[in-house]
PDB file of all heavy atoms in Angstrom:
ATOM      1  N   LEU A   1       2.392  27.243 185.995  1.00  0.00           N
ATOM      2  CA  LEU A   1       3.000  28.312 186.767  1.00  0.00           C
ATOM      3  C   LEU A   1       2.514  29.649 186.288  1.00  0.00           C
ATOM      4  O   LEU A   1       2.324  30.489 186.947  1.00  0.00           O
ATOM      5  CB  LEU A   1       4.451  28.249 186.701  1.00  0.00           C
ATOM      6  CG  LEU A   1       5.340  26.993 187.239  1.00  0.00           C
ATOM      7  CD1 LEU A   1       6.783  27.131 186.959  1.00  0.00           C
ATOM      8  CD2 LEU A   1       4.880  26.953 188.801  1.00  0.00           C
ATOM      9  N   SER A   2       2.338  29.771 184.984  1.00  0.00           N
ATOM     10  CA  SER A   2       1.888  31.053 184.353  1.00  0.00           C
ATOM     11  C   SER A   2       0.396  31.214 184.771  1.00  0.00           C
ATOM     12  O   SER A   2      -0.047  32.489 184.978  1.00  0.00           O
ATOM     13  CB  SER A   2       2.037  31.073 182.844  1.00  0.00           C
ATOM     14  OG  SER A   2       3.343  30.814 182.426  1.00  0.00           O
ATOM     15  N   THR A   3      -0.341  30.232 184.839  1.00  0.00           N
ATOM     16  CA  THR A   3      -1.825  30.301 185.200  1.00  0.00           C
ATOM     17  C   THR A   3      -1.826  30.892 186.597  1.00  0.00           C
ATOM     18  O   THR A   3      -2.641  31.608 186.967  1.00  0.00           O
ATOM     19  CB  THR A   3      -2.450  29.029 185.009  1.00  0.00           C
ATOM     20  OG1 THR A   3      -2.468  28.574 183.794  1.00  0.00           O
ATOM     21  CG2 THR A   3      -3.896  29.160 185.547  1.00  0.00           C
ATOM     22  N   ALA A   4      -1.004  30.222 187.516  1.00  0.00           N
ATOM     23  CA  ALA A   4      -0.909  30.724 188.859  1.00  0.00           C
ATOM     24  C   ALA A   4      -0.616  32.168 189.067  1.00  0.00           C
ATOM     25  O   ALA A   4      -1.147  32.830 189.919  1.00  0.00           O
ATOM     26  CB  ALA A   4       0.101  29.687 189.736  1.00  0.00           C
ATOM     27  N   ALA A   5       0.382  32.476 188.224  1.00  0.00           N
ATOM     28  CA  ALA A   5       0.787  33.988 188.339  1.00  0.00           C
ATOM     29  C   ALA A   5      -0.353  34.832 187.786  1.00  0.00           C
ATOM     30  O   ALA A   5      -0.473  35.823 188.416  1.00  0.00           O
ATOM     31  CB  ALA A   5       2.127  34.144 187.416  1.00  0.00           C
ATOM     32  N   SER A   6      -1.003  34.527 186.719  1.00  0.00           N
ATOM     33  CA  SER A   6      -2.098  35.279 186.213  1.00  0.00           C
ATOM     34  C   SER A   6      -3.226  35.463 187.180  1.00  0.00           C
ATOM     35  O   SER A   6      -3.777  36.497 187.502  1.00  0.00           O
ATOM     36  CB  SER A   6      -2.603  34.666 184.932  1.00  0.00           C
ATOM     37  OG  SER A   6      -3.745  35.312 184.481  1.00  0.00           O
ATOM     38  N   ILE A   7      -3.542  34.373 187.885  1.00  0.00           N
ATOM     39  CA  ILE A   7      -4.608  34.379 188.881  1.00  0.00           C
ATOM     40  C   ILE A   7      -4.263  35.267 190.167  1.00  0.00           C
ATOM     41  O   ILE A   7      -5.145  35.997 190.649  1.00  0.00           O
ATOM     42  CB  ILE A   7      -5.086  32.924 189.278  1.00  0.00           C
ATOM     43  CG1 ILE A   7      -5.701  32.247 188.172  1.00  0.00           C
ATOM     44  CG2 ILE A   7      -5.908  33.018 190.451  1.00  0.00           C
ATOM     45  CD1 ILE A   7      -5.990  30.789 188.350  1.00  0.00           C
ATOM     46  N   SER A   8      -2.937  35.153 190.437  1.00  0.00           N
ATOM     47  CA  SER A   8      -2.550  35.969 191.704  1.00  0.00           C
ATOM     48  C   SER A   8      -2.498  37.431 191.309  1.00  0.00           C
ATOM     49  O   SER A   8      -3.000  38.195 192.186  1.00  0.00           O
ATOM     50  CB  SER A   8      -1.171  35.528 192.055  1.00  0.00           C
ATOM     51  OG  SER A   8      -0.226  35.733 191.049  1.00  0.00           O
ATOM     52  N   PHE A   9      -2.186  37.817 190.153  1.00  0.00           N
ATOM     53  CA  PHE A   9      -2.249  39.195 189.773  1.00  0.00           C
ATOM     54  C   PHE A   9      -3.691  39.637 189.540  1.00  0.00           C
ATOM     55  O   PHE A   9      -4.039  40.797 189.792  1.00  0.00           O
ATOM     56  CB  PHE A   9      -1.381  39.477 188.483  1.00  0.00           C
ATOM     57  CG  PHE A   9       0.080  39.385 188.766  1.00  0.00           C
ATOM     58  CD1 PHE A   9       0.905  38.539 188.237  1.00  0.00           C
ATOM     59  CD2 PHE A   9       0.561  40.432 189.521  1.00  0.00           C
ATOM     60  CE1 PHE A   9       2.224  38.508 188.390  1.00  0.00           C
ATOM     61  CE2 PHE A   9       1.997  40.478 189.745  1.00  0.00           C
ATOM     62  CZ  PHE A   9       2.753  39.478 189.269  1.00  0.00           C
ATOM     63  N   LEU A  10      -4.480  38.709 189.113  1.00  0.00           N
ATOM     64  CA  LEU A  10      -5.915  39.141 189.023  1.00  0.00           C
ATOM     65  C   LEU A  10      -6.547  39.338 190.410  1.00  0.00           C
ATOM     66  O   LEU A  10      -7.309  40.336 190.672  1.00  0.00           O
ATOM     67  CB  LEU A  10      -6.818  37.876 188.424  1.00  0.00           C
ATOM     68  CG  LEU A  10      -8.250  37.861 188.410  1.00  0.00           C
ATOM     69  CD1 LEU A  10      -8.759  39.127 187.631  1.00  0.00           C
ATOM     70  CD2 LEU A  10      -8.985  36.606 187.983  1.00  0.00           C
ATOM     71  N   GLY A  11      -6.151  38.580 191.424  1.00  0.00           N
ATOM     72  CA  GLY A  11      -6.598  38.857 192.843  1.00  0.00           C
ATOM     73  C   GLY A  11      -6.086  40.220 193.282  1.00  0.00           C
ATOM     74  O   GLY A  11      -6.793  40.984 194.005  1.00  0.00           O
ATOM     75  N   ALA A  12      -4.813  40.603 192.933  1.00  0.00           N
ATOM     76  CA  ALA A  12      -4.300  41.937 193.281  1.00  0.00           C
ATOM     77  C   ALA A  12      -5.016  43.046 192.624  1.00  0.00           C
ATOM     78  O   ALA A  12      -5.306  44.063 193.194  1.00  0.00           O
ATOM     79  CB  ALA A  12      -2.783  41.961 193.021  1.00  0.00           C
ATOM     80  N   ALA A  13      -5.467  42.752 191.377  1.00  0.00           N
ATOM     81  CA  ALA A  13      -6.103  43.812 190.515  1.00  0.00           C
ATOM     82  C   ALA A  13      -7.558  44.117 191.061  1.00  0.00           C
ATOM     83  O   ALA A  13      -7.991  45.239 191.115  1.00  0.00           O
ATOM     84  CB  ALA A  13      -6.190  43.322 189.091  1.00  0.00           C
ATOM     85  N   ILE A  14      -8.264  43.060 191.508  1.00  0.00           N
ATOM     86  CA  ILE A  14      -9.594  43.178 191.998  1.00  0.00           C
ATOM     87  C   ILE A  14      -9.727  43.363 193.453  1.00  0.00           C
ATOM     88  O   ILE A  14     -10.806  43.496 194.014  1.00  0.00           O
ATOM     89  CB  ILE A  14     -10.493  42.044 191.511  1.00  0.00           C
ATOM     90  CG1 ILE A  14     -10.083  40.684 192.245  1.00  0.00           C
ATOM     91  CG2 ILE A  14     -10.510  41.946 189.957  1.00  0.00           C
ATOM     92  CD1 ILE A  14     -10.889  39.598 191.806  1.00  0.00           C
ATOM     93  N   GLY A  15      -8.494  43.331 194.142  1.00  0.00           N
ATOM     94  CA  GLY A  15      -8.468  43.430 195.613  1.00  0.00           C
ATOM     95  C   GLY A  15      -9.127  42.294 196.465  1.00  0.00           C
ATOM     96  O   GLY A  15      -9.990  42.412 197.218  1.00  0.00           O
ATOM     97  N   GLY A  16      -8.728  41.051 195.944  1.00  0.00           N
ATOM     98  CA  GLY A  16      -9.283  39.812 196.583  1.00  0.00           C
ATOM     99  C   GLY A  16      -8.465  39.367 197.777  1.00  0.00           C
ATOM    100  O   GLY A  16      -8.295  38.196 197.810  1.00  0.00           O
ATOM    101  N   ASP A  17      -7.940  40.227 198.523  1.00  0.00           N
ATOM    102  CA  ASP A  17      -7.116  39.877 199.701  1.00  0.00           C
ATOM    103  C   ASP A  17      -7.987  39.225 200.809  1.00  0.00           C
ATOM    104  O   ASP A  17      -7.420  38.365 201.530  1.00  0.00           O
ATOM    105  CB  ASP A  17      -6.282  40.975 200.178  1.00  0.00           C
ATOM    106  CG  ASP A  17      -5.240  41.425 199.140  1.00  0.00           C
ATOM    107  OD1 ASP A  17      -4.926  40.627 198.294  1.00  0.00           O
ATOM    108  OD2 ASP A  17      -4.830  42.668 199.141  1.00  0.00           O
ATOM    109  N   GLU A  18      -9.192  39.648 201.082  1.00  0.00           N
ATOM    110  CA  GLU A  18      -9.934  39.277 202.155  1.00  0.00           C
ATOM    111  C   GLU A  18     -10.306  37.792 202.058  1.00  0.00           C
ATOM    112  O   GLU A  18     -10.136  37.029 202.924  1.00  0.00           O
ATOM    113  CB  GLU A  18     -11.113  40.125 202.373  1.00  0.00           C
ATOM    114  CG  GLU A  18     -10.733  41.639 202.853  1.00  0.00           C
ATOM    115  CD  GLU A  18     -12.034  42.334 203.078  1.00  0.00           C
ATOM    116  OE1 GLU A  18     -13.182  41.787 202.930  1.00  0.00           O
ATOM    117  OE2 GLU A  18     -11.899  43.552 203.384  1.00  0.00           O
ATOM    118  N   ASP A  19     -10.941  37.487 200.932  1.00  0.00           N
ATOM    119  CA  ASP A  19     -11.413  36.095 200.702  1.00  0.00           C
ATOM    120  C   ASP A  19     -10.719  35.543 199.403  1.00  0.00           C
ATOM    121  O   ASP A  19     -11.379  35.639 198.381  1.00  0.00           O
ATOM    122  CB  ASP A  19     -12.879  35.952 200.617  1.00  0.00           C
ATOM    123  CG  ASP A  19     -13.425  34.421 200.578  1.00  0.00           C
ATOM    124  OD1 ASP A  19     -12.573  33.628 200.698  1.00  0.00           O
ATOM    125  OD2 ASP A  19     -14.664  34.366 200.422  1.00  0.00           O
ATOM    126  N   PHE A  20      -9.618  35.059 199.485  1.00  0.00           N
ATOM    127  CA  PHE A  20      -8.928  34.641 198.261  1.00  0.00           C
ATOM    128  C   PHE A  20      -9.149  33.157 197.973  1.00  0.00           C
ATOM    129  O   PHE A  20      -8.575  32.529 197.113  1.00  0.00           O
ATOM    130  CB  PHE A  20      -7.372  34.796 198.236  1.00  0.00           C
ATOM    131  CG  PHE A  20      -6.703  34.236 199.605  1.00  0.00           C
ATOM    132  CD1 PHE A  20      -6.188  32.950 199.517  1.00  0.00           C
ATOM    133  CD2 PHE A  20      -6.630  34.994 200.779  1.00  0.00           C
ATOM    134  CE1 PHE A  20      -5.558  32.447 200.611  1.00  0.00           C
ATOM    135  CE2 PHE A  20      -6.048  34.477 201.870  1.00  0.00           C
ATOM    136  CZ  PHE A  20      -5.517  33.101 201.848  1.00  0.00           C
ATOM    137  N   SER A  21     -10.172  32.535 198.674  1.00  0.00           N
ATOM    138  CA  SER A  21     -10.562  31.189 198.371  1.00  0.00           C
ATOM    139  C   SER A  21     -11.216  31.185 196.954  1.00  0.00           C
ATOM    140  O   SER A  21     -11.021  30.196 196.286  1.00  0.00           O
ATOM    141  CB  SER A  21     -11.604  30.727 199.404  1.00  0.00           C
ATOM    142  OG  SER A  21     -12.797  31.446 199.369  1.00  0.00           O
ATOM    143  N   LEU A  22     -11.811  32.221 196.491  1.00  0.00           N
ATOM    144  CA  LEU A  22     -12.442  32.156 195.192  1.00  0.00           C
ATOM    145  C   LEU A  22     -11.240  32.158 194.080  1.00  0.00           C
ATOM    146  O   LEU A  22     -11.541  31.507 193.011  1.00  0.00           O
ATOM    147  CB  LEU A  22     -13.115  33.450 194.966  1.00  0.00           C
ATOM    148  CG  LEU A  22     -14.590  33.629 195.763  1.00  0.00           C
ATOM    149  CD1 LEU A  22     -15.202  34.838 195.544  1.00  0.00           C
ATOM    150  CD2 LEU A  22     -15.459  32.387 195.466  1.00  0.00           C
ATOM    151  N   LEU A  23     -10.136  32.777 194.384  1.00  0.00           N
ATOM    152  CA  LEU A  23      -8.971  32.598 193.450  1.00  0.00           C
ATOM    153  C   LEU A  23      -8.479  31.290 193.347  1.00  0.00           C
ATOM    154  O   LEU A  23      -8.256  30.718 192.245  1.00  0.00           O
ATOM    155  CB  LEU A  23      -7.860  33.634 193.813  1.00  0.00           C
ATOM    156  CG  LEU A  23      -8.346  34.977 193.842  1.00  0.00           C
ATOM    157  CD1 LEU A  23      -7.077  35.902 194.354  1.00  0.00           C
ATOM    158  CD2 LEU A  23      -8.663  35.506 192.442  1.00  0.00           C
ATOM    159  N   LEU A  24      -8.469  30.545 194.525  1.00  0.00           N
ATOM    160  CA  LEU A  24      -8.059  29.128 194.592  1.00  0.00           C
ATOM    161  C   LEU A  24      -9.092  28.327 193.801  1.00  0.00           C
ATOM    162  O   LEU A  24      -8.694  27.283 193.065  1.00  0.00           O
ATOM    163  CB  LEU A  24      -7.830  28.605 195.960  1.00  0.00           C
ATOM    164  CG  LEU A  24      -6.572  29.333 196.693  1.00  0.00           C
ATOM    165  CD1 LEU A  24      -6.679  29.041 198.195  1.00  0.00           C
ATOM    166  CD2 LEU A  24      -5.256  28.818 196.021  1.00  0.00           C
ATOM    167  N   LEU A  25     -10.264  28.544 193.974  1.00  0.00           N
ATOM    168  CA  LEU A  25     -11.442  27.766 193.316  1.00  0.00           C
ATOM    169  C   LEU A  25     -11.324  27.956 191.781  1.00  0.00           C
ATOM    170  O   LEU A  25     -11.492  27.131 190.960  1.00  0.00           O
ATOM    171  CB  LEU A  25     -12.714  28.181 193.843  1.00  0.00           C
ATOM    172  CG  LEU A  25     -13.955  27.369 193.447  1.00  0.00           C
ATOM    173  CD1 LEU A  25     -13.724  25.876 193.881  1.00  0.00           C
ATOM    174  CD2 LEU A  25     -15.282  27.902 194.003  1.00  0.00           C
ATOM    175  N   LEU A  26     -10.953  29.285 191.399  1.00  0.00           N
ATOM    176  CA  LEU A  26     -10.770  29.513 189.933  1.00  0.00           C
ATOM    177  C   LEU A  26      -9.642  28.752 189.411  1.00  0.00           C
ATOM    178  O   LEU A  26      -9.724  28.130 188.389  1.00  0.00           O
ATOM    179  CB  LEU A  26     -10.568  30.962 189.771  1.00  0.00           C
ATOM    180  CG  LEU A  26     -10.298  31.458 188.270  1.00  0.00           C
ATOM    181  CD1 LEU A  26     -11.461  31.108 187.376  1.00  0.00           C
ATOM    182  CD2 LEU A  26      -9.936  33.009 188.253  1.00  0.00           C
ATOM    183  N   ALA A  27      -8.525  28.676 190.147  1.00  0.00           N
ATOM    184  CA  ALA A  27      -7.401  27.896 189.669  1.00  0.00           C
ATOM    185  C   ALA A  27      -7.737  26.432 189.708  1.00  0.00           C
ATOM    186  O   ALA A  27      -7.378  25.798 188.625  1.00  0.00           O
ATOM    187  CB  ALA A  27      -6.196  28.121 190.683  1.00  0.00           C
ATOM    188  N   CYS A  28      -8.501  25.934 190.645  1.00  0.00           N
ATOM    189  CA  CYS A  28      -8.907  24.533 190.567  1.00  0.00           C
ATOM    190  C   CYS A  28      -9.801  24.233 189.344  1.00  0.00           C
ATOM    191  O   CYS A  28      -9.595  23.169 188.751  1.00  0.00           O
ATOM    192  CB  CYS A  28      -9.614  24.245 191.852  1.00  0.00           C
ATOM    193  SG  CYS A  28     -10.300  22.581 191.940  1.00  0.00           S
ATOM    194  N   ALA A  29     -10.598  25.181 189.054  1.00  0.00           N
ATOM    195  CA  ALA A  29     -11.666  25.059 187.936  1.00  0.00           C
ATOM    196  C   ALA A  29     -10.830  25.013 186.547  1.00  0.00           C
ATOM    197  O   ALA A  29     -11.048  24.148 185.761  1.00  0.00           O
ATOM    198  CB  ALA A  29     -12.606  26.117 187.883  1.00  0.00           C
ATOM    199  N   ILE A  30      -9.887  25.892 186.455  1.00  0.00           N
ATOM    200  CA  ILE A  30      -9.028  25.997 185.197  1.00  0.00           C
ATOM    201  C   ILE A  30      -8.191  24.651 185.026  1.00  0.00           C
ATOM    202  O   ILE A  30      -8.156  23.992 184.023  1.00  0.00           O
ATOM    203  CB  ILE A  30      -8.113  27.282 185.151  1.00  0.00           C
ATOM    204  CG1 ILE A  30      -9.042  28.436 185.152  1.00  0.00           C
ATOM    205  CG2 ILE A  30      -7.112  27.118 183.955  1.00  0.00           C
ATOM    206  CD1 ILE A  30      -8.198  29.795 185.289  1.00  0.00           C
ATOM    207  N   TYR A  31      -7.403  24.384 186.132  1.00  0.00           N
ATOM    208  CA  TYR A  31      -6.597  23.190 186.087  1.00  0.00           C
ATOM    209  C   TYR A  31      -7.323  21.875 185.901  1.00  0.00           C
ATOM    210  O   TYR A  31      -7.106  20.930 185.159  1.00  0.00           O
ATOM    211  CB  TYR A  31      -5.785  23.047 187.360  1.00  0.00           C
ATOM    212  CG  TYR A  31      -4.715  24.103 187.583  1.00  0.00           C
ATOM    213  CD1 TYR A  31      -4.451  24.655 188.907  1.00  0.00           C
ATOM    214  CD2 TYR A  31      -4.061  24.704 186.534  1.00  0.00           C
ATOM    215  CE1 TYR A  31      -3.568  25.590 189.012  1.00  0.00           C
ATOM    216  CE2 TYR A  31      -2.978  25.580 186.664  1.00  0.00           C
ATOM    217  CZ  TYR A  31      -2.845  26.118 187.899  1.00  0.00           C
ATOM    218  OH  TYR A  31      -1.821  27.093 188.118  1.00  0.00           O
ATOM    219  N   GLY A  32      -8.537  21.867 186.669  1.00  0.00           N
ATOM    220  CA  GLY A  32      -9.344  20.619 186.507  1.00  0.00           C
ATOM    221  C   GLY A  32      -9.919  20.480 185.100  1.00  0.00           C
ATOM    222  O   GLY A  32      -9.972  19.366 184.565  1.00  0.00           O
ATOM    223  N   ALA A  33     -10.410  21.685 184.418  1.00  0.00           N
ATOM    224  CA  ALA A  33     -10.946  21.518 183.123  1.00  0.00           C
ATOM    225  C   ALA A  33      -9.859  21.122 182.202  1.00  0.00           C
ATOM    226  O   ALA A  33     -10.053  20.171 181.243  1.00  0.00           O
ATOM    227  CB  ALA A  33     -11.573  22.821 182.616  1.00  0.00           C
ATOM    228  N   LEU A  34      -8.680  21.713 182.216  1.00  0.00           N
ATOM    229  CA  LEU A  34      -7.621  21.374 181.287  1.00  0.00           C
ATOM    230  C   LEU A  34      -7.054  19.838 181.592  1.00  0.00           C
ATOM    231  O   LEU A  34      -6.828  19.122 180.655  1.00  0.00           O
ATOM    232  CB  LEU A  34      -6.406  22.301 181.559  1.00  0.00           C
ATOM    233  CG  LEU A  34      -6.614  23.721 180.997  1.00  0.00           C
ATOM    234  CD1 LEU A  34      -5.455  24.591 181.454  1.00  0.00           C
ATOM    235  CD2 LEU A  34      -6.740  23.704 179.529  1.00  0.00           C
ATOM    236  N   GLY A  35      -7.102  19.539 182.944  1.00  0.00           N
ATOM    237  CA  GLY A  35      -6.510  18.188 183.282  1.00  0.00           C
ATOM    238  C   GLY A  35      -7.468  17.059 182.769  1.00  0.00           C
ATOM    239  O   GLY A  35      -7.056  16.032 182.153  1.00  0.00           O
ATOM    240  N   LEU A  36      -8.827  17.348 182.855  1.00  0.00           N
ATOM    241  CA  LEU A  36      -9.781  16.358 182.332  1.00  0.00           C
ATOM    242  C   LEU A  36      -9.830  16.338 180.835  1.00  0.00           C
ATOM    243  O   LEU A  36      -9.968  15.278 180.189  1.00  0.00           O
ATOM    244  CB  LEU A  36     -11.160  16.730 182.837  1.00  0.00           C
ATOM    245  CG  LEU A  36     -11.461  16.503 184.330  1.00  0.00           C
ATOM    246  CD1 LEU A  36     -12.732  17.083 184.760  1.00  0.00           C
ATOM    247  CD2 LEU A  36     -11.305  15.077 184.790  1.00  0.00           C
ATOM    248  N   TRP A  37      -9.838  17.504 180.286  1.00  0.00           N
ATOM    249  CA  TRP A  37      -9.907  17.514 178.725  1.00  0.00           C
ATOM    250  C   TRP A  37      -8.619  16.902 178.194  1.00  0.00           C
ATOM    251  O   TRP A  37      -8.802  16.093 177.117  1.00  0.00           O
ATOM    252  CB  TRP A  37      -9.977  18.936 178.310  1.00  0.00           C
ATOM    253  CG  TRP A  37      -9.906  19.100 176.749  1.00  0.00           C
ATOM    254  CD1 TRP A  37     -10.833  18.876 175.914  1.00  0.00           C
ATOM    255  CD2 TRP A  37      -8.800  19.594 176.005  1.00  0.00           C
ATOM    256  NE1 TRP A  37     -10.486  19.013 174.648  1.00  0.00           N
ATOM    257  CE2 TRP A  37      -9.189  19.517 174.691  1.00  0.00           C
ATOM    258  CE3 TRP A  37      -7.536  20.037 176.328  1.00  0.00           C
ATOM    259  CZ2 TRP A  37      -8.365  20.013 173.602  1.00  0.00           C
ATOM    260  CZ3 TRP A  37      -6.673  20.463 175.361  1.00  0.00           C
ATOM    261  CH2 TRP A  37      -7.079  20.377 173.956  1.00  0.00           C
ATOM    262  N   ALA A  38      -7.439  17.113 178.594  1.00  0.00           N
ATOM    263  CA  ALA A  38      -6.236  16.543 178.084  1.00  0.00           C
ATOM    264  C   ALA A  38      -5.854  15.319 178.742  1.00  0.00           C
ATOM    265  O   ALA A  38      -4.780  14.764 178.371  1.00  0.00           O
ATOM    266  CB  ALA A  38      -5.104  17.573 178.182  1.00  0.00           C
ATOM    267  N   ARG A  39      -6.554  14.918 179.785  1.00  0.00           N
ATOM    268  CA  ARG A  39      -6.054  13.797 180.625  1.00  0.00           C
ATOM    269  C   ARG A  39      -4.693  13.858 181.030  1.00  0.00           C
ATOM    270  O   ARG A  39      -3.842  12.846 180.911  1.00  0.00           O
ATOM    271  CB  ARG A  39      -6.328  12.483 179.768  1.00  0.00           C
ATOM    272  CG  ARG A  39      -7.813  12.263 179.404  1.00  0.00           C
ATOM    273  CD  ARG A  39      -7.932  10.952 178.651  1.00  0.00           C
ATOM    274  NE  ARG A  39      -9.371  10.804 178.108  1.00  0.00           N
ATOM    275  CZ  ARG A  39      -9.795   9.801 177.429  1.00  0.00           C
ATOM    276  NH1 ARG A  39      -9.055   8.721 177.151  1.00  0.00           N
ATOM    277  NH2 ARG A  39     -11.021   9.816 177.072  1.00  0.00           N
ATOM    278  N   SER A  40      -4.321  15.089 181.578  1.00  0.00           N
ATOM    279  CA  SER A  40      -2.911  15.319 181.940  1.00  0.00           C
ATOM    280  C   SER A  40      -2.784  15.065 183.569  1.00  0.00           C
ATOM    281  O   SER A  40      -3.497  15.748 184.197  1.00  0.00           O
ATOM    282  CB  SER A  40      -2.520  16.729 181.576  1.00  0.00           C
ATOM    283  OG  SER A  40      -1.328  17.097 182.162  1.00  0.00           O
ATOM    284  N   LYS A  41      -2.070  14.153 183.901  1.00  0.00           N
ATOM    285  CA  LYS A  41      -1.881  13.935 185.215  1.00  0.00           C
ATOM    286  C   LYS A  41      -1.113  15.097 186.072  1.00  0.00           C
ATOM    287  O   LYS A  41      -1.452  15.343 187.160  1.00  0.00           O
ATOM    288  CB  LYS A  41      -1.139  12.592 185.516  1.00  0.00           C
ATOM    289  CG  LYS A  41      -1.877  11.398 184.926  1.00  0.00           C
ATOM    290  CD  LYS A  41      -0.979  10.131 185.187  1.00  0.00           C
ATOM    291  CE  LYS A  41      -1.684   8.846 184.669  1.00  0.00           C
ATOM    292  NZ  LYS A  41      -0.905   7.795 184.663  1.00  0.00           N
TER     293      LYS A  41
END
């Protein structure tokens, strides 16, 4: 949840309202890397 909040405020800081797919891709990359590394379902 904290990661999602950080990424959403990052989008607000850089003005990523038009194409926020990059923010979702960033979230996917962070969650994916952590999930694979820790094998967390």
